[in-house]
């Protein structure tokens, strides 16, 4: 899943479903997106939550804007893994 989202910019996603595992941070086209280790808290306020995770060879950013009710993810190859797919 993460490989197909790599370098696509910010992508609108759906929230996890109730039965999803705790590592699931969102769903894209019905499929769960699982996060690894949180590496950075970019913003965590009443209105916006924005975290960065390392998931295998990918950096996964998850941003939720509670004011507009929209979740987004951005996936990039992590440093040290190169840019080849």
PDB file of N, CA and C in Angstrom:
ATOM      1  N   UNK A   1       0.824  -1.195   0.000  1.00  0.00           N
ATOM      2  CA  UNK A   1       0.000   0.000   0.000  1.00  0.00           C
ATOM      3  C   UNK A   1       0.866   1.255   0.000  1.00  0.00           C
ATOM      4  N   UNK A   2       1.846   1.336   0.891  1.00  0.00           N
ATOM      5  CA  UNK A   2       2.657   2.554   0.970  1.00  0.00           C
ATOM      6  C   UNK A   2       3.441   2.803  -0.313  1.00  0.00           C
ATOM      7  N   UNK A   3       3.886   1.741  -0.959  1.00  0.00           N
ATOM      8  CA  UNK A   3       4.669   1.928  -2.183  1.00  0.00           C
ATOM      9  C   UNK A   3       3.852   2.619  -3.268  1.00  0.00           C
ATOM     10  N   UNK A   4       2.558   2.336  -3.356  1.00  0.00           N
ATOM     11  CA  UNK A   4       1.740   2.977  -4.399  1.00  0.00           C
ATOM     12  C   UNK A   4       1.422   4.434  -4.076  1.00  0.00           C
ATOM     13  N   UNK A   5       1.573   4.830  -2.822  1.00  0.00           N
ATOM     14  CA  UNK A   5       1.303   6.215  -2.422  1.00  0.00           C
ATOM     15  C   UNK A   5       2.562   7.078  -2.372  1.00  0.00           C
ATOM     16  N   UNK A   6       3.724   6.467  -2.575  1.00  0.00           N
ATOM     17  CA  UNK A   6       4.991   7.177  -2.466  1.00  0.00           C
ATOM     18  C   UNK A   6       5.089   8.307  -3.481  1.00  0.00           C
ATOM     19  N   UNK A   7       5.504   9.470  -2.994  1.00  0.00           N
ATOM     20  CA  UNK A   7       5.733  10.666  -3.821  1.00  0.00           C
ATOM     21  C   UNK A   7       4.488  11.165  -4.549  1.00  0.00           C
ATOM     22  N   UNK A   8       3.308  10.874  -4.028  1.00  0.00           N
ATOM     23  CA  UNK A   8       2.060  11.347  -4.642  1.00  0.00           C
ATOM     24  C   UNK A   8       1.553  12.628  -3.977  1.00  0.00           C
ATOM     25  N   UNK A   9       2.280  13.131  -2.970  1.00  0.00           N
ATOM     26  CA  UNK A   9       1.829  14.321  -2.259  1.00  0.00           C
ATOM     27  C   UNK A   9       0.775  13.956  -1.237  1.00  0.00           C
ATOM     28  N   UNK A  10       0.046  14.962  -0.783  1.00  0.00           N
ATOM     29  CA  UNK A  10      -0.995  14.732   0.213  1.00  0.00           C
ATOM     30  C   UNK A  10      -2.206  14.069  -0.427  1.00  0.00           C
ATOM     31  N   UNK A  11      -2.675  12.991   0.194  1.00  0.00           N
ATOM     32  CA  UNK A  11      -3.795  12.206  -0.323  1.00  0.00           C
ATOM     33  C   UNK A  11      -4.875  12.151   0.755  1.00  0.00           C
ATOM     34  N   UNK A  12      -6.110  12.446   0.378  1.00  0.00           N
ATOM     35  CA  UNK A  12      -7.232  12.381   1.310  1.00  0.00           C
ATOM     36  C   UNK A  12      -7.542  10.910   1.605  1.00  0.00           C
ATOM     37  N   UNK A  13      -7.715  10.601   2.895  1.00  0.00           N
ATOM     38  CA  UNK A  13      -7.981   9.234   3.334  1.00  0.00           C
ATOM     39  C   UNK A  13      -9.195   9.205   4.247  1.00  0.00           C
ATOM     40  N   UNK A  14      -9.677   8.001   4.488  1.00  0.00           N
ATOM     41  CA  UNK A  14     -10.790   7.775   5.404  1.00  0.00           C
ATOM     42  C   UNK A  14     -10.235   7.340   6.757  1.00  0.00           C
ATOM     43  N   UNK A  15     -10.999   7.516   7.824  1.00  0.00           N
ATOM     44  CA  UNK A  15     -10.530   7.067   9.138  1.00  0.00           C
ATOM     45  C   UNK A  15     -10.502   5.542   9.226  1.00  0.00           C
ATOM     46  N   UNK A  16      -9.750   5.008  10.185  1.00  0.00           N
ATOM     47  CA  UNK A  16      -9.756   3.550  10.387  1.00  0.00           C
ATOM     48  C   UNK A  16     -11.166   3.071  10.764  1.00  0.00           C
ATOM     49  N   UNK A  17     -11.408   1.800  10.500  1.00  0.00           N
ATOM     50  CA  UNK A  17     -12.674   1.208  10.910  1.00  0.00           C
ATOM     51  C   UNK A  17     -12.528   0.648  12.318  1.00  0.00           C
ATOM     52  N   UNK A  18     -13.626   0.492  12.989  1.00  0.00           N
ATOM     53  CA  UNK A  18     -13.641   0.048  14.378  1.00  0.00           C
ATOM     54  C   UNK A  18     -12.850  -1.247  14.586  1.00  0.00           C
ATOM     55  N   UNK A  19     -12.924  -2.160  13.649  1.00  0.00           N
ATOM     56  CA  UNK A  19     -12.261  -3.465  13.801  1.00  0.00           C
ATOM     57  C   UNK A  19     -10.788  -3.457  13.387  1.00  0.00           C
ATOM     58  N   UNK A  20     -10.271  -2.332  12.888  1.00  0.00           N
ATOM     59  CA  UNK A  20      -8.866  -2.246  12.478  1.00  0.00           C
ATOM     60  C   UNK A  20      -7.929  -2.357  13.679  1.00  0.00           C
ATOM     61  N   UNK A  21      -6.725  -2.826  13.416  1.00  0.00           N
ATOM     62  CA  UNK A  21      -5.719  -2.936  14.472  1.00  0.00           C
ATOM     63  C   UNK A  21      -5.292  -1.544  14.929  1.00  0.00           C
ATOM     64  N   UNK A  22      -4.719  -1.441  16.126  1.00  0.00           N
ATOM     65  CA  UNK A  22      -4.269  -0.131  16.624  1.00  0.00           C
ATOM     66  C   UNK A  22      -3.208   0.540  15.741  1.00  0.00           C
ATOM     67  N   UNK A  23      -2.485  -0.245  14.941  1.00  0.00           N
ATOM     68  CA  UNK A  23      -1.459   0.349  14.074  1.00  0.00           C
ATOM     69  C   UNK A  23      -2.043   0.988  12.816  1.00  0.00           C
ATOM     70  N   UNK A  24      -3.323   0.778  12.548  1.00  0.00           N
ATOM     71  CA  UNK A  24      -3.983   1.365  11.377  1.00  0.00           C
ATOM     72  C   UNK A  24      -4.301   2.826  11.675  1.00  0.00           C
ATOM     73  N   UNK A  25      -3.774   3.728  10.851  1.00  0.00           N
ATOM     74  CA  UNK A  25      -3.993   5.168  11.056  1.00  0.00           C
ATOM     75  C   UNK A  25      -5.000   5.761  10.083  1.00  0.00           C
ATOM     76  N   UNK A  26      -5.311   5.027   9.011  1.00  0.00           N
ATOM     77  CA  UNK A  26      -6.248   5.529   8.003  1.00  0.00           C
ATOM     78  C   UNK A  26      -6.581   4.391   7.041  1.00  0.00           C
ATOM     79  N   UNK A  27      -7.502   4.686   6.131  1.00  0.00           N
ATOM     80  CA  UNK A  27      -7.825   3.741   5.053  1.00  0.00           C
ATOM     81  C   UNK A  27      -7.805   4.505   3.737  1.00  0.00           C
ATOM     82  N   UNK A  28      -7.282   3.834   2.708  1.00  0.00           N
ATOM     83  CA  UNK A  28      -7.236   4.401   1.365  1.00  0.00           C
ATOM     84  C   UNK A  28      -7.824   3.376   0.415  1.00  0.00           C
ATOM     85  N   UNK A  29      -8.876   3.768  -0.294  1.00  0.00           N
ATOM     86  CA  UNK A  29      -9.597   2.866  -1.196  1.00  0.00           C
ATOM     87  C   UNK A  29     -10.002   1.590  -0.461  1.00  0.00           C
ATOM     88  N   UNK A  30     -10.413   1.755   0.787  1.00  0.00           N
ATOM     89  CA  UNK A  30     -10.890   0.626   1.582  1.00  0.00           C
ATOM     90  C   UNK A  30      -9.817  -0.204   2.257  1.00  0.00           C
ATOM     91  N   UNK A  31      -8.556   0.031   1.919  1.00  0.00           N
ATOM     92  CA  UNK A  31      -7.450  -0.739   2.479  1.00  0.00           C
ATOM     93  C   UNK A  31      -6.802   0.003   3.651  1.00  0.00           C
ATOM     94  N   UNK A  32      -6.436  -0.733   4.718  1.00  0.00           N
ATOM     95  CA  UNK A  32      -5.814  -0.077   5.870  1.00  0.00           C
ATOM     96  C   UNK A  32      -4.393   0.406   5.581  1.00  0.00           C
ATOM     97  N   UNK A  33      -4.067   1.546   6.151  1.00  0.00           N
ATOM     98  CA  UNK A  33      -2.701   2.073   6.116  1.00  0.00           C
ATOM     99  C   UNK A  33      -2.172   1.946   7.538  1.00  0.00           C
ATOM    100  N   UNK A  34      -1.115   1.168   7.685  1.00  0.00           N
ATOM    101  CA  UNK A  34      -0.556   0.928   9.012  1.00  0.00           C
ATOM    102  C   UNK A  34       0.715   1.739   9.206  1.00  0.00           C
ATOM    103  N   UNK A  35       0.832   2.310  10.392  1.00  0.00           N
ATOM    104  CA  UNK A  35       2.002   3.125  10.729  1.00  0.00           C
ATOM    105  C   UNK A  35       2.938   2.309  11.614  1.00  0.00           C
ATOM    106  N   UNK A  36       4.208   2.651  11.531  1.00  0.00           N
ATOM    107  CA  UNK A  36       5.213   2.024  12.379  1.00  0.00           C
ATOM    108  C   UNK A  36       5.458   2.869  13.607  1.00  0.00           C
ATOM    109  N   UNK A  37       6.691   3.287  13.782  1.00  0.00           N
ATOM    110  CA  UNK A  37       7.113   4.044  14.950  1.00  0.00           C
ATOM    111  C   UNK A  37       6.950   5.541  14.696  1.00  0.00           C
ATOM    112  N   UNK A  38       6.312   6.231  15.636  1.00  0.00           N
ATOM    113  CA  UNK A  38       6.187   7.685  15.489  1.00  0.00           C
ATOM    114  C   UNK A  38       7.555   8.305  15.731  1.00  0.00           C
ATOM    115  N   UNK A  39       8.013   9.106  14.770  1.00  0.00           N
ATOM    116  CA  UNK A  39       9.330   9.718  14.854  1.00  0.00           C
ATOM    117  C   UNK A  39       9.272  11.208  15.151  1.00  0.00           C
ATOM    118  N   UNK A  40       8.099  11.808  14.918  1.00  0.00           N
ATOM    119  CA  UNK A  40       8.007  13.251  15.110  1.00  0.00           C
ATOM    120  C   UNK A  40       6.550  13.670  15.306  1.00  0.00           C
ATOM    121  N   UNK A  41       6.351  14.591  16.218  1.00  0.00           N
ATOM    122  CA  UNK A  41       5.062  15.254  16.360  1.00  0.00           C
ATOM    123  C   UNK A  41       5.243  16.633  15.746  1.00  0.00           C
ATOM    124  N   UNK A  42       4.627  16.840  14.600  1.00  0.00           N
ATOM    125  CA  UNK A  42       4.764  18.104  13.885  1.00  0.00           C
ATOM    126  C   UNK A  42       3.796  19.133  14.454  1.00  0.00           C
ATOM    127  N   UNK A  43       2.567  18.708  14.719  1.00  0.00           N
ATOM    128  CA  UNK A  43       1.581  19.605  15.323  1.00  0.00           C
ATOM    129  C   UNK A  43       0.545  18.753  16.046  1.00  0.00           C
ATOM    130  N   UNK A  44       0.188  19.154  17.233  1.00  0.00           N
ATOM    131  CA  UNK A  44      -0.832  18.446  17.991  1.00  0.00           C
ATOM    132  C   UNK A  44      -1.610  19.469  18.804  1.00  0.00           C
ATOM    133  N   UNK A  45      -2.685  19.975  18.194  1.00  0.00           N
ATOM    134  CA  UNK A  45      -3.519  20.992  18.833  1.00  0.00           C
ATOM    135  C   UNK A  45      -4.962  20.504  18.860  1.00  0.00           C
ATOM    136  N   UNK A  46      -5.822  21.325  19.369  1.00  0.00           N
ATOM    137  CA  UNK A  46      -7.246  21.000  19.404  1.00  0.00           C
ATOM    138  C   UNK A  46      -7.815  20.844  17.995  1.00  0.00           C
ATOM    139  N   UNK A  47      -7.230  21.558  17.019  1.00  0.00           N
ATOM    140  CA  UNK A  47      -7.767  21.584  15.656  1.00  0.00           C
ATOM    141  C   UNK A  47      -7.031  20.708  14.661  1.00  0.00           C
ATOM    142  N   UNK A  48      -5.733  20.463  14.891  1.00  0.00           N
ATOM    143  CA  UNK A  48      -4.926  19.731  13.918  1.00  0.00           C
ATOM    144  C   UNK A  48      -4.004  18.744  14.622  1.00  0.00           C
ATOM    145  N   UNK A  49      -3.951  17.537  14.080  1.00  0.00           N
ATOM    146  CA  UNK A  49      -3.003  16.526  14.528  1.00  0.00           C
ATOM    147  C   UNK A  49      -2.142  16.163  13.319  1.00  0.00           C
ATOM    148  N   UNK A  50      -0.828  16.272  13.468  1.00  0.00           N
ATOM    149  CA  UNK A  50       0.086  15.998  12.353  1.00  0.00           C
ATOM    150  C   UNK A  50       1.299  15.261  12.909  1.00  0.00           C
ATOM    151  N   UNK A  51       1.414  13.979  12.565  1.00  0.00           N
ATOM    152  CA  UNK A  51       2.499  13.132  13.059  1.00  0.00           C
ATOM    153  C   UNK A  51       3.273  12.544  11.893  1.00  0.00           C
ATOM    154  N   UNK A  52       4.527  12.208  12.164  1.00  0.00           N
ATOM    155  CA  UNK A  52       5.364  11.532  11.183  1.00  0.00           C
ATOM    156  C   UNK A  52       5.789  10.184  11.760  1.00  0.00           C
ATOM    157  N   UNK A  53       5.690   9.138  10.933  1.00  0.00           N
ATOM    158  CA  UNK A  53       6.021   7.779  11.329  1.00  0.00           C
ATOM    159  C   UNK A  53       7.081   7.205  10.399  1.00  0.00           C
ATOM    160  N   UNK A  54       7.864   6.269  10.908  1.00  0.00           N
ATOM    161  CA  UNK A  54       8.751   5.464  10.059  1.00  0.00           C
ATOM    162  C   UNK A  54       8.117   4.080   9.976  1.00  0.00           C
ATOM    163  N   UNK A  55       7.812   3.686   8.775  1.00  0.00           N
ATOM    164  CA  UNK A  55       7.182   2.395   8.518  1.00  0.00           C
ATOM    165  C   UNK A  55       8.026   1.674   7.483  1.00  0.00           C
ATOM    166  N   UNK A  56       8.903   0.788   7.951  1.00  0.00           N
ATOM    167  CA  UNK A  56       9.819   0.106   7.040  1.00  0.00           C
ATOM    168  C   UNK A  56      10.705   1.118   6.352  1.00  0.00           C
ATOM    169  N   UNK A  57      10.684   1.112   5.035  1.00  0.00           N
ATOM    170  CA  UNK A  57      11.530   2.030   4.263  1.00  0.00           C
ATOM    171  C   UNK A  57      10.826   3.342   3.913  1.00  0.00           C
ATOM    172  N   UNK A  58       9.691   3.597   4.545  1.00  0.00           N
ATOM    173  CA  UNK A  58       8.903   4.788   4.217  1.00  0.00           C
ATOM    174  C   UNK A  58       8.743   5.718   5.412  1.00  0.00           C
ATOM    175  N   UNK A  59       8.681   7.015   5.106  1.00  0.00           N
ATOM    176  CA  UNK A  59       8.243   8.019   6.065  1.00  0.00           C
ATOM    177  C   UNK A  59       6.789   8.306   5.731  1.00  0.00           C
ATOM    178  N   UNK A  60       5.934   8.173   6.726  1.00  0.00           N
ATOM    179  CA  UNK A  60       4.498   8.357   6.561  1.00  0.00           C
ATOM    180  C   UNK A  60       4.061   9.523   7.430  1.00  0.00           C
ATOM    181  N   UNK A  61       3.513  10.556   6.809  1.00  0.00           N
ATOM    182  CA  UNK A  61       2.947  11.671   7.550  1.00  0.00           C
ATOM    183  C   UNK A  61       1.434  11.529   7.551  1.00  0.00           C
ATOM    184  N   UNK A  62       0.848  11.733   8.717  1.00  0.00           N
ATOM    185  CA  UNK A  62      -0.600  11.665   8.880  1.00  0.00           C
ATOM    186  C   UNK A  62      -1.052  12.995   9.452  1.00  0.00           C
ATOM    187  N   UNK A  63      -2.000  13.624   8.764  1.00  0.00           N
ATOM    188  CA  UNK A  63      -2.499  14.929   9.195  1.00  0.00           C
ATOM    189  C   UNK A  63      -4.023  14.873   9.235  1.00  0.00           C
ATOM    190  N   UNK A  64      -4.573  15.264  10.379  1.00  0.00           N
ATOM    191  CA  UNK A  64      -6.027  15.325  10.524  1.00  0.00           C
ATOM    192  C   UNK A  64      -6.403  16.742  10.913  1.00  0.00           C
ATOM    193  N   UNK A  65      -7.278  17.339  10.119  1.00  0.00           N
ATOM    194  CA  UNK A  65      -7.791  18.676  10.402  1.00  0.00           C
ATOM    195  C   UNK A  65      -9.220  18.490  10.920  1.00  0.00           C
ATOM    196  N   UNK A  66      -9.391  18.636  12.222  1.00  0.00           N
ATOM    197  CA  UNK A  66     -10.687  18.403  12.838  1.00  0.00           C
ATOM    198  C   UNK A  66     -11.718  19.465  12.464  1.00  0.00           C
ATOM    199  N   UNK A  67     -11.278  20.681  12.142  1.00  0.00           N
ATOM    200  CA  UNK A  67     -12.209  21.747  11.763  1.00  0.00           C
ATOM    201  C   UNK A  67     -12.965  21.412  10.489  1.00  0.00           C
ATOM    202  N   UNK A  68     -12.275  20.827   9.526  1.00  0.00           N
ATOM    203  CA  UNK A  68     -12.933  20.491   8.258  1.00  0.00           C
ATOM    204  C   UNK A  68     -13.246  18.993   8.152  1.00  0.00           C
ATOM    205  N   UNK A  69     -12.805  18.213   9.151  1.00  0.00           N
ATOM    206  CA  UNK A  69     -13.105  16.788   9.162  1.00  0.00           C
ATOM    207  C   UNK A  69     -12.422  16.021   8.049  1.00  0.00           C
ATOM    208  N   UNK A  70     -11.149  16.334   7.800  1.00  0.00           N
ATOM    209  CA  UNK A  70     -10.417  15.680   6.712  1.00  0.00           C
ATOM    210  C   UNK A  70      -9.097  15.106   7.220  1.00  0.00           C
ATOM    211  N   UNK A  71      -8.835  13.877   6.806  1.00  0.00           N
ATOM    212  CA  UNK A  71      -7.557  13.250   7.089  1.00  0.00           C
ATOM    213  C   UNK A  71      -6.766  13.094   5.805  1.00  0.00           C
ATOM    214  N   UNK A  72      -5.449  13.272   5.901  1.00  0.00           N
ATOM    215  CA  UNK A  72      -4.578  13.136   4.737  1.00  0.00           C
ATOM    216  C   UNK A  72      -3.313  12.386   5.142  1.00  0.00           C
ATOM    217  N   UNK A  73      -2.713  11.728   4.166  1.00  0.00           N
ATOM    218  CA  UNK A  73      -1.409  11.096   4.372  1.00  0.00           C
ATOM    219  C   UNK A  73      -0.465  11.502   3.248  1.00  0.00           C
ATOM    220  N   UNK A  74       0.818  11.467   3.560  1.00  0.00           N
ATOM    221  CA  UNK A  74       1.869  11.695   2.560  1.00  0.00           C
ATOM    222  C   UNK A  74       2.949  10.665   2.827  1.00  0.00           C
ATOM    223  N   UNK A  75       3.394   9.983   1.765  1.00  0.00           N
ATOM    224  CA  UNK A  75       4.377   8.916   1.894  1.00  0.00           C
ATOM    225  C   UNK A  75       5.595   9.242   1.047  1.00  0.00           C
ATOM    226  N   UNK A  76       6.776   9.099   1.646  1.00  0.00           N
ATOM    227  CA  UNK A  76       8.037   9.281   0.923  1.00  0.00           C
ATOM    228  C   UNK A  76       9.013   8.201   1.353  1.00  0.00           C
ATOM    229  N   UNK A  77       9.951   7.877   0.472  1.00  0.00           N
ATOM    230  CA  UNK A  77      11.009   6.939   0.849  1.00  0.00           C
ATOM    231  C   UNK A  77      11.832   7.576   1.956  1.00  0.00           C
ATOM    232  N   UNK A  78      12.138   6.790   2.963  1.00  0.00           N
ATOM    233  CA  UNK A  78      12.937   7.295   4.086  1.00  0.00           C
ATOM    234  C   UNK A  78      14.378   7.511   3.639  1.00  0.00           C
ATOM    235  N   UNK A  79      15.021   8.443   4.302  1.00  0.00           N
ATOM    236  CA  UNK A  79      16.428   8.725   4.009  1.00  0.00           C
ATOM    237  C   UNK A  79      17.247   7.448   4.149  1.00  0.00           C
ATOM    238  N   UNK A  80      18.137   7.235   3.190  1.00  0.00           N
ATOM    239  CA  UNK A  80      18.982   6.055   3.213  1.00  0.00           C
ATOM    240  C   UNK A  80      18.461   4.910   2.356  1.00  0.00           C
ATOM    241  N   UNK A  81      17.241   5.036   1.828  1.00  0.00           N
ATOM    242  CA  UNK A  81      16.657   3.989   1.005  1.00  0.00           C
ATOM    243  C   UNK A  81      16.650   4.355  -0.474  1.00  0.00           C
ATOM    244  N   UNK A  82      17.047   5.569  -0.830  1.00  0.00           N
ATOM    245  CA  UNK A  82      17.042   5.977  -2.224  1.00  0.00           C
ATOM    246  C   UNK A  82      15.658   6.322  -2.696  1.00  0.00           C
ATOM    247  N   UNK A  83      15.556   6.689  -3.947  1.00  0.00           N
ATOM    248  CA  UNK A  83      14.278   7.093  -4.522  1.00  0.00           C
ATOM    249  C   UNK A  83      13.730   6.076  -5.509  1.00  0.00           C
ATOM    250  N   UNK A  84      14.406   4.965  -5.701  1.00  0.00           N
ATOM    251  CA  UNK A  84      13.885   3.972  -6.621  1.00  0.00           C
ATOM    252  C   UNK A  84      12.706   3.259  -5.988  1.00  0.00           C
ATOM    253  N   UNK A  85      11.743   2.846  -6.801  1.00  0.00           N
ATOM    254  CA  UNK A  85      10.514   2.209  -6.292  1.00  0.00           C
ATOM    255  C   UNK A  85      10.724   0.745  -6.063  1.00  0.00           C
TER     256      UNK A  85
END
